[in-house]
């Protein structure tokens, strides 16, 4: 298990194994790409604005908890002023344009990633995360800014019997959104040859949404024989929760929202 670093003045030809300019990588695409961090590694991202005109494809293989930390205090770096760690589709400025049909992150069968202290922003016709067949994903103390029109986090599960996702959103803020949703999974229901209800496993804890007419967590796939179970919403404010007919039909805990 190794520790890697990204800073905006680094270089992707560096080893990534140190925080200095001549050691750190420059892009998050490199860090989460096929030749970036591996299972069990830790990545620190220095304060700065990371602006991308193409989606970040997560291509590494992770079979144990792997950590992607924003470091807004800059304690892991020298010569960098503390500040936000922003990953955005806006190309030039905070009010600048984005490529129209760009997701920020695309993840397929990528597991065990933990994100913390990061700001994710999109201003496109697509969302922040497109997630397919992934498990054990966690976001802590992150900000999701959706200035686009699509659901921020779109989840799909093409497996026969359903994956136990074990997703966690803890102490996160969801900002903007307009008419867009926060989280959408419309593959919760499973039919034959599925054999039983499956543990979906989602916990949303101490999160806040500010703005957005339709911001919420939405689940579909109703009228199927088997459904996902185990959804926990604890101590949240500002967003809705929607289950389509029979989608996630049991073990839904909503407390202090």
C-alpha atoms as a PDB file:
ATOM      1  CA  UNK A   1       0.000   0.000   0.000  1.00  0.00           C
ATOM      2  CA  UNK A   2       1.479   3.314  -1.110  1.00  0.00           C
ATOM      3  CA  UNK A   3       0.670   7.004  -0.767  1.00  0.00           C
ATOM      4  CA  UNK A   4       0.373   9.122  -3.894  1.00  0.00           C
ATOM      5  CA  UNK A   5      -0.079  12.843  -4.520  1.00  0.00           C
ATOM      6  CA  UNK A   6      -1.680  15.120  -7.109  1.00  0.00           C
ATOM      7  CA  UNK A   7      -1.084  18.854  -7.405  1.00  0.00           C
ATOM      8  CA  UNK A   8      -2.023  21.189 -10.232  1.00  0.00           C
ATOM      9  CA  UNK A   9       1.615  22.086 -10.933  1.00  0.00           C
ATOM     10  CA  UNK A  10       2.814  18.473 -10.886  1.00  0.00           C
ATOM     11  CA  UNK A  11       3.496  16.278 -13.901  1.00  0.00           C
ATOM     12  CA  UNK A  12       1.912  12.984 -14.908  1.00  0.00           C
ATOM     13  CA  UNK A  13       5.337  11.674 -15.902  1.00  0.00           C
ATOM     14  CA  UNK A  14       6.398  11.873 -12.246  1.00  0.00           C
ATOM     15  CA  UNK A  15       6.171   8.867  -9.956  1.00  0.00           C
ATOM     16  CA  UNK A  16       3.331  10.392  -7.936  1.00  0.00           C
ATOM     17  CA  UNK A  17       4.953   9.088  -4.754  1.00  0.00           C
ATOM     18  CA  UNK A  18       5.854  12.445  -3.200  1.00  0.00           C
ATOM     19  CA  UNK A  19       4.166  15.802  -2.579  1.00  0.00           C
ATOM     20  CA  UNK A  20       6.770  18.008  -4.257  1.00  0.00           C
ATOM     21  CA  UNK A  21       6.363  19.505  -7.735  1.00  0.00           C
ATOM     22  CA  UNK A  22       8.906  17.099  -9.208  1.00  0.00           C
ATOM     23  CA  UNK A  23       7.223  14.085  -7.561  1.00  0.00           C
ATOM     24  CA  UNK A  24       3.435  14.550  -7.694  1.00  0.00           C
ATOM     25  CA  UNK A  25       1.126  13.821 -10.589  1.00  0.00           C
ATOM     26  CA  UNK A  26      -0.810  16.649 -12.190  1.00  0.00           C
ATOM     27  CA  UNK A  27      -4.176  15.120 -13.072  1.00  0.00           C
ATOM     28  CA  UNK A  28      -6.823  13.077 -11.338  1.00  0.00           C
ATOM     29  CA  UNK A  29      -7.293  11.140 -14.558  1.00  0.00           C
ATOM     30  CA  UNK A  30      -3.745   9.849 -14.206  1.00  0.00           C
ATOM     31  CA  UNK A  31      -4.214   9.040 -10.527  1.00  0.00           C
ATOM     32  CA  UNK A  32      -7.385   7.007 -11.114  1.00  0.00           C
ATOM     33  CA  UNK A  33      -6.335   5.615 -14.471  1.00  0.00           C
ATOM     34  CA  UNK A  34      -4.895   2.253 -15.385  1.00  0.00           C
ATOM     35  CA  UNK A  35      -1.373   3.255 -14.279  1.00  0.00           C
ATOM     36  CA  UNK A  36      -2.425   5.219 -11.200  1.00  0.00           C
ATOM     37  CA  UNK A  37      -3.164   4.176  -7.642  1.00  0.00           C
ATOM     38  CA  UNK A  38      -3.866   0.561  -6.786  1.00  0.00           C
ATOM     39  CA  UNK A  39      -5.820  -1.413  -4.247  1.00  0.00           C
ATOM     40  CA  UNK A  40      -5.344  -0.171  -0.697  1.00  0.00           C
ATOM     41  CA  UNK A  41      -3.426   2.951  -1.716  1.00  0.00           C
ATOM     42  CA  UNK A  42      -4.048   6.504  -0.513  1.00  0.00           C
ATOM     43  CA  UNK A  43      -4.187   9.559  -2.775  1.00  0.00           C
ATOM     44  CA  UNK A  44      -3.919  13.159  -1.542  1.00  0.00           C
ATOM     45  CA  UNK A  45      -5.078  15.956  -3.847  1.00  0.00           C
ATOM     46  CA  UNK A  46      -3.678  19.426  -3.189  1.00  0.00           C
ATOM     47  CA  UNK A  47      -5.824  22.574  -3.042  1.00  0.00           C
ATOM     48  CA  UNK A  48      -6.647  23.862  -6.487  1.00  0.00           C
ATOM     49  CA  UNK A  49      -9.142  23.860  -9.329  1.00  0.00           C
ATOM     50  CA  UNK A  50      -8.994  20.752 -11.479  1.00  0.00           C
ATOM     51  CA  UNK A  51     -10.882  21.544 -14.675  1.00  0.00           C
ATOM     52  CA  UNK A  52     -11.554  18.802 -17.197  1.00  0.00           C
ATOM     53  CA  UNK A  53     -13.057  18.951 -20.649  1.00  0.00           C
ATOM     54  CA  UNK A  54     -13.331  15.161 -20.866  1.00  0.00           C
ATOM     55  CA  UNK A  55     -14.769  12.651 -18.419  1.00  0.00           C
ATOM     56  CA  UNK A  56     -12.503  10.982 -15.886  1.00  0.00           C
ATOM     57  CA  UNK A  57     -12.598   7.242 -16.521  1.00  0.00           C
ATOM     58  CA  UNK A  58     -11.757   5.309 -13.390  1.00  0.00           C
ATOM     59  CA  UNK A  59      -9.685   2.379 -14.641  1.00  0.00           C
ATOM     60  CA  UNK A  60      -7.769   1.052 -11.645  1.00  0.00           C
ATOM     61  CA  UNK A  61      -8.488  -2.230  -9.872  1.00  0.00           C
ATOM     62  CA  UNK A  62      -9.371  -1.984  -6.182  1.00  0.00           C
ATOM     63  CA  UNK A  63     -10.092  -5.016  -4.014  1.00  0.00           C
ATOM     64  CA  UNK A  64      -9.616  -3.342  -0.624  1.00  0.00           C
ATOM     65  CA  UNK A  65     -10.503   0.106   0.735  1.00  0.00           C
ATOM     66  CA  UNK A  66      -8.684   2.725  -1.331  1.00  0.00           C
ATOM     67  CA  UNK A  67      -8.718   6.397  -0.352  1.00  0.00           C
ATOM     68  CA  UNK A  68      -8.977   9.601  -2.388  1.00  0.00           C
ATOM     69  CA  UNK A  69      -8.577  12.572  -0.065  1.00  0.00           C
ATOM     70  CA  UNK A  70      -8.841  16.230  -0.889  1.00  0.00           C
ATOM     71  CA  UNK A  71      -6.381  18.123   1.310  1.00  0.00           C
ATOM     72  CA  UNK A  72      -7.826  21.657   1.580  1.00  0.00           C
ATOM     73  CA  UNK A  73      -5.554  22.502   4.524  1.00  0.00           C
ATOM     74  CA  UNK A  74      -2.484  21.651   2.383  1.00  0.00           C
ATOM     75  CA  UNK A  75      -0.914  19.844   5.331  1.00  0.00           C
ATOM     76  CA  UNK A  76       0.382  17.112   3.025  1.00  0.00           C
ATOM     77  CA  UNK A  77       2.099  19.602   0.686  1.00  0.00           C
ATOM     78  CA  UNK A  78       4.647  22.408   0.801  1.00  0.00           C
ATOM     79  CA  UNK A  79       4.451  25.682  -1.084  1.00  0.00           C
ATOM     80  CA  UNK A  80       0.681  25.477  -1.570  1.00  0.00           C
ATOM     81  CA  UNK A  81      -1.879  27.813  -0.001  1.00  0.00           C
ATOM     82  CA  UNK A  82      -4.815  26.136   1.747  1.00  0.00           C
ATOM     83  CA  UNK A  83      -8.047  26.292  -0.236  1.00  0.00           C
ATOM     84  CA  UNK A  84     -10.737  24.291  -1.944  1.00  0.00           C
ATOM     85  CA  UNK A  85     -10.146  21.078  -3.865  1.00  0.00           C
ATOM     86  CA  UNK A  86     -12.525  21.476  -6.820  1.00  0.00           C
ATOM     87  CA  UNK A  87     -13.022  18.925  -9.593  1.00  0.00           C
ATOM     88  CA  UNK A  88     -15.219  20.480 -12.264  1.00  0.00           C
ATOM     89  CA  UNK A  89     -16.379  20.334 -15.865  1.00  0.00           C
ATOM     90  CA  UNK A  90     -16.183  24.137 -16.114  1.00  0.00           C
ATOM     91  CA  UNK A  91     -13.221  24.798 -18.367  1.00  0.00           C
ATOM     92  CA  UNK A  92     -12.071  28.318 -17.518  1.00  0.00           C
ATOM     93  CA  UNK A  93     -13.796  29.868 -14.512  1.00  0.00           C
ATOM     94  CA  UNK A  94     -16.502  29.304 -11.910  1.00  0.00           C
ATOM     95  CA  UNK A  95     -19.080  30.637 -14.365  1.00  0.00           C
ATOM     96  CA  UNK A  96     -17.441  29.269 -17.480  1.00  0.00           C
ATOM     97  CA  UNK A  97     -18.815  26.844 -20.034  1.00  0.00           C
ATOM     98  CA  UNK A  98     -18.534  23.061 -20.043  1.00  0.00           C
ATOM     99  CA  UNK A  99     -18.642  20.436 -22.748  1.00  0.00           C
ATOM    100  CA  UNK A 100     -22.332  19.637 -23.167  1.00  0.00           C
ATOM    101  CA  UNK A 101     -22.489  15.857 -22.804  1.00  0.00           C
ATOM    102  CA  UNK A 102     -19.719  15.171 -20.327  1.00  0.00           C
ATOM    103  CA  UNK A 103     -19.955  13.203 -17.096  1.00  0.00           C
ATOM    104  CA  UNK A 104     -17.341  14.095 -14.504  1.00  0.00           C
ATOM    105  CA  UNK A 105     -16.548  10.488 -13.434  1.00  0.00           C
ATOM    106  CA  UNK A 106     -17.413   7.203 -15.129  1.00  0.00           C
ATOM    107  CA  UNK A 107     -16.966   4.013 -13.113  1.00  0.00           C
ATOM    108  CA  UNK A 108     -17.753   0.439 -14.184  1.00  0.00           C
ATOM    109  CA  UNK A 109     -17.038  -2.462 -11.806  1.00  0.00           C
ATOM    110  CA  UNK A 110     -14.839  -0.242  -9.657  1.00  0.00           C
ATOM    111  CA  UNK A 111     -15.113  -1.021  -5.966  1.00  0.00           C
ATOM    112  CA  UNK A 112     -13.846   0.072  -2.544  1.00  0.00           C
ATOM    113  CA  UNK A 113     -13.205   3.718  -3.366  1.00  0.00           C
ATOM    114  CA  UNK A 114     -13.505   6.247  -0.536  1.00  0.00           C
ATOM    115  CA  UNK A 115     -13.762   9.964  -1.408  1.00  0.00           C
ATOM    116  CA  UNK A 116     -13.368  12.687   1.217  1.00  0.00           C
ATOM    117  CA  UNK A 117     -13.078  16.511   1.394  1.00  0.00           C
ATOM    118  CA  UNK A 118     -13.679  17.043  -2.315  1.00  0.00           C
ATOM    119  CA  UNK A 119     -15.932  19.400  -4.280  1.00  0.00           C
ATOM    120  CA  UNK A 120     -17.490  17.868  -7.399  1.00  0.00           C
ATOM    121  CA  UNK A 121     -19.158  20.187  -9.929  1.00  0.00           C
ATOM    122  CA  UNK A 122     -20.889  19.711 -13.259  1.00  0.00           C
ATOM    123  CA  UNK A 123     -22.500  22.263 -15.544  1.00  0.00           C
ATOM    124  CA  UNK A 124     -23.306  19.927 -18.432  1.00  0.00           C
ATOM    125  CA  UNK A 125     -26.242  17.854 -19.669  1.00  0.00           C
ATOM    126  CA  UNK A 126     -24.789  14.931 -17.743  1.00  0.00           C
ATOM    127  CA  UNK A 127     -24.236  14.224 -14.073  1.00  0.00           C
ATOM    128  CA  UNK A 128     -21.271  13.924 -11.766  1.00  0.00           C
ATOM    129  CA  UNK A 129     -20.963  10.151 -11.493  1.00  0.00           C
ATOM    130  CA  UNK A 130     -22.071   7.399 -13.861  1.00  0.00           C
ATOM    131  CA  UNK A 131     -21.726   4.211 -11.822  1.00  0.00           C
ATOM    132  CA  UNK A 132     -22.282   0.698 -13.180  1.00  0.00           C
ATOM    133  CA  UNK A 133     -21.921  -2.548 -11.204  1.00  0.00           C
ATOM    134  CA  UNK A 134     -19.845  -1.013  -8.418  1.00  0.00           C
ATOM    135  CA  UNK A 135     -19.836  -1.857  -4.704  1.00  0.00           C
ATOM    136  CA  UNK A 136     -18.330  -0.458  -1.507  1.00  0.00           C
ATOM    137  CA  UNK A 137     -18.257   3.222  -2.517  1.00  0.00           C
ATOM    138  CA  UNK A 138     -18.171   5.946   0.131  1.00  0.00           C
ATOM    139  CA  UNK A 139     -18.282   9.727   0.078  1.00  0.00           C
ATOM    140  CA  UNK A 140     -17.543  11.659   3.281  1.00  0.00           C
ATOM    141  CA  UNK A 141     -17.513  15.454   3.755  1.00  0.00           C
ATOM    142  CA  UNK A 142     -17.877  16.075   0.022  1.00  0.00           C
ATOM    143  CA  UNK A 143     -19.784  18.792  -1.826  1.00  0.00           C
ATOM    144  CA  UNK A 144     -21.798  17.892  -4.925  1.00  0.00           C
ATOM    145  CA  UNK A 145     -22.626  20.920  -7.111  1.00  0.00           C
ATOM    146  CA  UNK A 146     -24.982  20.126  -9.951  1.00  0.00           C
ATOM    147  CA  UNK A 147     -25.518  23.095 -12.250  1.00  0.00           C
ATOM    148  CA  UNK A 148     -26.689  20.828 -15.061  1.00  0.00           C
ATOM    149  CA  UNK A 149     -29.959  19.081 -15.832  1.00  0.00           C
ATOM    150  CA  UNK A 150     -29.211  15.399 -15.232  1.00  0.00           C
ATOM    151  CA  UNK A 151     -29.219  13.334 -12.046  1.00  0.00           C
ATOM    152  CA  UNK A 152     -25.940  13.901 -10.224  1.00  0.00           C
ATOM    153  CA  UNK A 153     -25.243  10.257  -9.391  1.00  0.00           C
ATOM    154  CA  UNK A 154     -26.688   7.684 -11.767  1.00  0.00           C
ATOM    155  CA  UNK A 155     -26.387   4.060 -10.675  1.00  0.00           C
ATOM    156  CA  UNK A 156     -27.135   0.922 -12.660  1.00  0.00           C
ATOM    157  CA  UNK A 157     -26.831  -2.773 -11.871  1.00  0.00           C
ATOM    158  CA  UNK A 158     -26.927  -5.236 -14.751  1.00  0.00           C
ATOM    159  CA  UNK A 159     -26.293  -8.308 -12.606  1.00  0.00           C
ATOM    160  CA  UNK A 160     -28.913 -11.040 -12.392  1.00  0.00           C
ATOM    161  CA  UNK A 161     -29.423 -11.178  -8.633  1.00  0.00           C
ATOM    162  CA  UNK A 162     -28.457  -7.647  -7.594  1.00  0.00           C
ATOM    163  CA  UNK A 163     -25.281  -6.354  -5.976  1.00  0.00           C
ATOM    164  CA  UNK A 164     -24.989  -5.439  -2.306  1.00  0.00           C
ATOM    165  CA  UNK A 165     -23.718  -1.963  -2.946  1.00  0.00           C
ATOM    166  CA  UNK A 166     -22.836  -0.740   0.542  1.00  0.00           C
ATOM    167  CA  UNK A 167     -22.753   2.930  -0.508  1.00  0.00           C
ATOM    168  CA  UNK A 168     -22.318   5.646   2.085  1.00  0.00           C
ATOM    169  CA  UNK A 169     -22.889   9.409   1.879  1.00  0.00           C
ATOM    170  CA  UNK A 170     -21.885  10.986   5.178  1.00  0.00           C
ATOM    171  CA  UNK A 171     -21.818  14.692   6.067  1.00  0.00           C
ATOM    172  CA  UNK A 172     -22.116  15.704   2.411  1.00  0.00           C
ATOM    173  CA  UNK A 173     -23.682  18.834   0.899  1.00  0.00           C
ATOM    174  CA  UNK A 174     -25.704  18.870  -2.314  1.00  0.00           C
ATOM    175  CA  UNK A 175     -25.977  22.314  -3.909  1.00  0.00           C
ATOM    176  CA  UNK A 176     -27.824  23.721  -6.936  1.00  0.00           C
ATOM    177  CA  UNK A 177     -29.614  20.956  -8.844  1.00  0.00           C
ATOM    178  CA  UNK A 178     -32.526  22.946 -10.297  1.00  0.00           C
ATOM    179  CA  UNK A 179     -34.838  20.188 -11.549  1.00  0.00           C
ATOM    180  CA  UNK A 180     -32.188  17.473 -11.352  1.00  0.00           C
ATOM    181  CA  UNK A 181     -32.084  14.635  -8.850  1.00  0.00           C
ATOM    182  CA  UNK A 182     -29.274  13.745  -6.477  1.00  0.00           C
ATOM    183  CA  UNK A 183     -29.213   9.972  -6.913  1.00  0.00           C
ATOM    184  CA  UNK A 184     -31.069   7.674  -9.266  1.00  0.00           C
ATOM    185  CA  UNK A 185     -31.110   3.896  -9.572  1.00  0.00           C
ATOM    186  CA  UNK A 186     -33.859   2.426 -11.730  1.00  0.00           C
ATOM    187  CA  UNK A 187     -32.553  -1.147 -11.796  1.00  0.00           C
ATOM    188  CA  UNK A 188     -33.486  -2.090  -8.236  1.00  0.00           C
ATOM    189  CA  UNK A 189     -36.131  -4.629  -9.207  1.00  0.00           C
ATOM    190  CA  UNK A 190     -35.012  -8.070 -10.403  1.00  0.00           C
ATOM    191  CA  UNK A 191     -37.046 -10.715 -12.207  1.00  0.00           C
ATOM    192  CA  UNK A 192     -36.417 -14.378 -13.023  1.00  0.00           C
ATOM    193  CA  UNK A 193     -33.840 -15.885 -12.946  1.00  0.00           C
ATOM    194  CA  UNK A 194     -33.212 -13.829  -9.803  1.00  0.00           C
ATOM    195  CA  UNK A 195     -33.852 -16.037  -6.800  1.00  0.00           C
ATOM    196  CA  UNK A 196     -34.516 -13.705  -3.867  1.00  0.00           C
ATOM    197  CA  UNK A 197     -34.593 -10.147  -2.584  1.00  0.00           C
ATOM    198  CA  UNK A 198     -31.088  -8.743  -2.269  1.00  0.00           C
ATOM    199  CA  UNK A 199     -29.473  -6.382   0.231  1.00  0.00           C
ATOM    200  CA  UNK A 200     -29.014  -3.110  -1.642  1.00  0.00           C
ATOM    201  CA  UNK A 201     -27.177  -1.360   1.190  1.00  0.00           C
ATOM    202  CA  UNK A 202     -27.341   2.457   1.048  1.00  0.00           C
ATOM    203  CA  UNK A 203     -26.770   4.803   3.973  1.00  0.00           C
ATOM    204  CA  UNK A 204     -27.209   8.584   3.792  1.00  0.00           C
ATOM    205  CA  UNK A 205     -26.152  10.163   7.069  1.00  0.00           C
ATOM    206  CA  UNK A 206     -26.137  13.836   8.129  1.00  0.00           C
ATOM    207  CA  UNK A 207     -26.365  15.246   4.613  1.00  0.00           C
ATOM    208  CA  UNK A 208     -27.876  18.554   3.481  1.00  0.00           C
ATOM    209  CA  UNK A 209     -29.347  19.671   0.162  1.00  0.00           C
ATOM    210  CA  UNK A 210     -29.758  23.389  -0.590  1.00  0.00           C
ATOM    211  CA  UNK A 211     -31.737  24.306  -3.720  1.00  0.00           C
ATOM    212  CA  UNK A 212     -33.442  22.106  -6.249  1.00  0.00           C
ATOM    213  CA  UNK A 213     -37.130  21.488  -6.898  1.00  0.00           C
ATOM    214  CA  UNK A 214     -36.764  17.748  -7.431  1.00  0.00           C
ATOM    215  CA  UNK A 215     -33.540  17.019  -5.573  1.00  0.00           C
ATOM    216  CA  UNK A 216     -33.673  13.629  -3.933  1.00  0.00           C
ATOM    217  CA  UNK A 217     -32.811   9.955  -3.938  1.00  0.00           C
ATOM    218  CA  UNK A 218     -34.979   7.997  -6.391  1.00  0.00           C
ATOM    219  CA  UNK A 219     -35.319   4.254  -6.891  1.00  0.00           C
ATOM    220  CA  UNK A 220     -37.149   2.385  -9.624  1.00  0.00           C
ATOM    221  CA  UNK A 221     -37.559  -1.092 -10.993  1.00  0.00           C
ATOM    222  CA  UNK A 222     -40.950  -1.802  -9.468  1.00  0.00           C
ATOM    223  CA  UNK A 223     -43.354  -4.588 -10.456  1.00  0.00           C
ATOM    224  CA  UNK A 224     -40.432  -7.017 -10.396  1.00  0.00           C
ATOM    225  CA  UNK A 225     -40.521 -10.224  -8.401  1.00  0.00           C
ATOM    226  CA  UNK A 226     -37.509  -9.436  -6.234  1.00  0.00           C
ATOM    227  CA  UNK A 227     -36.334  -6.135  -4.813  1.00  0.00           C
ATOM    228  CA  UNK A 228     -33.467  -4.485  -3.009  1.00  0.00           C
ATOM    229  CA  UNK A 229     -33.612  -3.991   0.740  1.00  0.00           C
ATOM    230  CA  UNK A 230     -31.828  -2.027   3.457  1.00  0.00           C
ATOM    231  CA  UNK A 231     -31.924   1.716   2.839  1.00  0.00           C
ATOM    232  CA  UNK A 232     -30.955   4.035   5.705  1.00  0.00           C
ATOM    233  CA  UNK A 233     -31.611   7.784   5.774  1.00  0.00           C
ATOM    234  CA  UNK A 234     -30.457   9.326   9.050  1.00  0.00           C
ATOM    235  CA  UNK A 235     -30.411  12.968  10.200  1.00  0.00           C
ATOM    236  CA  UNK A 236     -30.671  14.603   6.769  1.00  0.00           C
ATOM    237  CA  UNK A 237     -32.416  17.720   5.516  1.00  0.00           C
ATOM    238  CA  UNK A 238     -33.477  19.356   2.255  1.00  0.00           C
ATOM    239  CA  UNK A 239     -34.151  16.466  -0.115  1.00  0.00           C
ATOM    240  CA  UNK A 240     -36.809  13.893  -0.922  1.00  0.00           C
ATOM    241  CA  UNK A 241     -36.823  10.114  -1.122  1.00  0.00           C
ATOM    242  CA  UNK A 242     -38.812   8.293  -3.801  1.00  0.00           C
ATOM    243  CA  UNK A 243     -39.410   4.583  -4.284  1.00  0.00           C
ATOM    244  CA  UNK A 244     -41.215   3.360  -7.388  1.00  0.00           C
ATOM    245  CA  UNK A 245     -43.795   0.616  -6.976  1.00  0.00           C
ATOM    246  CA  UNK A 246     -42.159  -2.226  -5.025  1.00  0.00           C
ATOM    247  CA  UNK A 247     -38.679  -0.797  -5.660  1.00  0.00           C
ATOM    248  CA  UNK A 248     -36.849  -1.316  -2.403  1.00  0.00           C
ATOM    249  CA  UNK A 249     -39.923  -2.645  -0.715  1.00  0.00           C
ATOM    250  CA  UNK A 250     -38.490  -3.486   2.697  1.00  0.00           C
ATOM    251  CA  UNK A 251     -36.038  -2.457   5.396  1.00  0.00           C
ATOM    252  CA  UNK A 252     -36.191   1.267   4.718  1.00  0.00           C
ATOM    253  CA  UNK A 253     -35.168   3.293   7.771  1.00  0.00           C
ATOM    254  CA  UNK A 254     -35.894   7.032   7.792  1.00  0.00           C
ATOM    255  CA  UNK A 255     -34.927   8.763  11.012  1.00  0.00           C
ATOM    256  CA  UNK A 256     -34.694  12.444  12.037  1.00  0.00           C
ATOM    257  CA  UNK A 257     -34.933  13.815   8.495  1.00  0.00           C
END
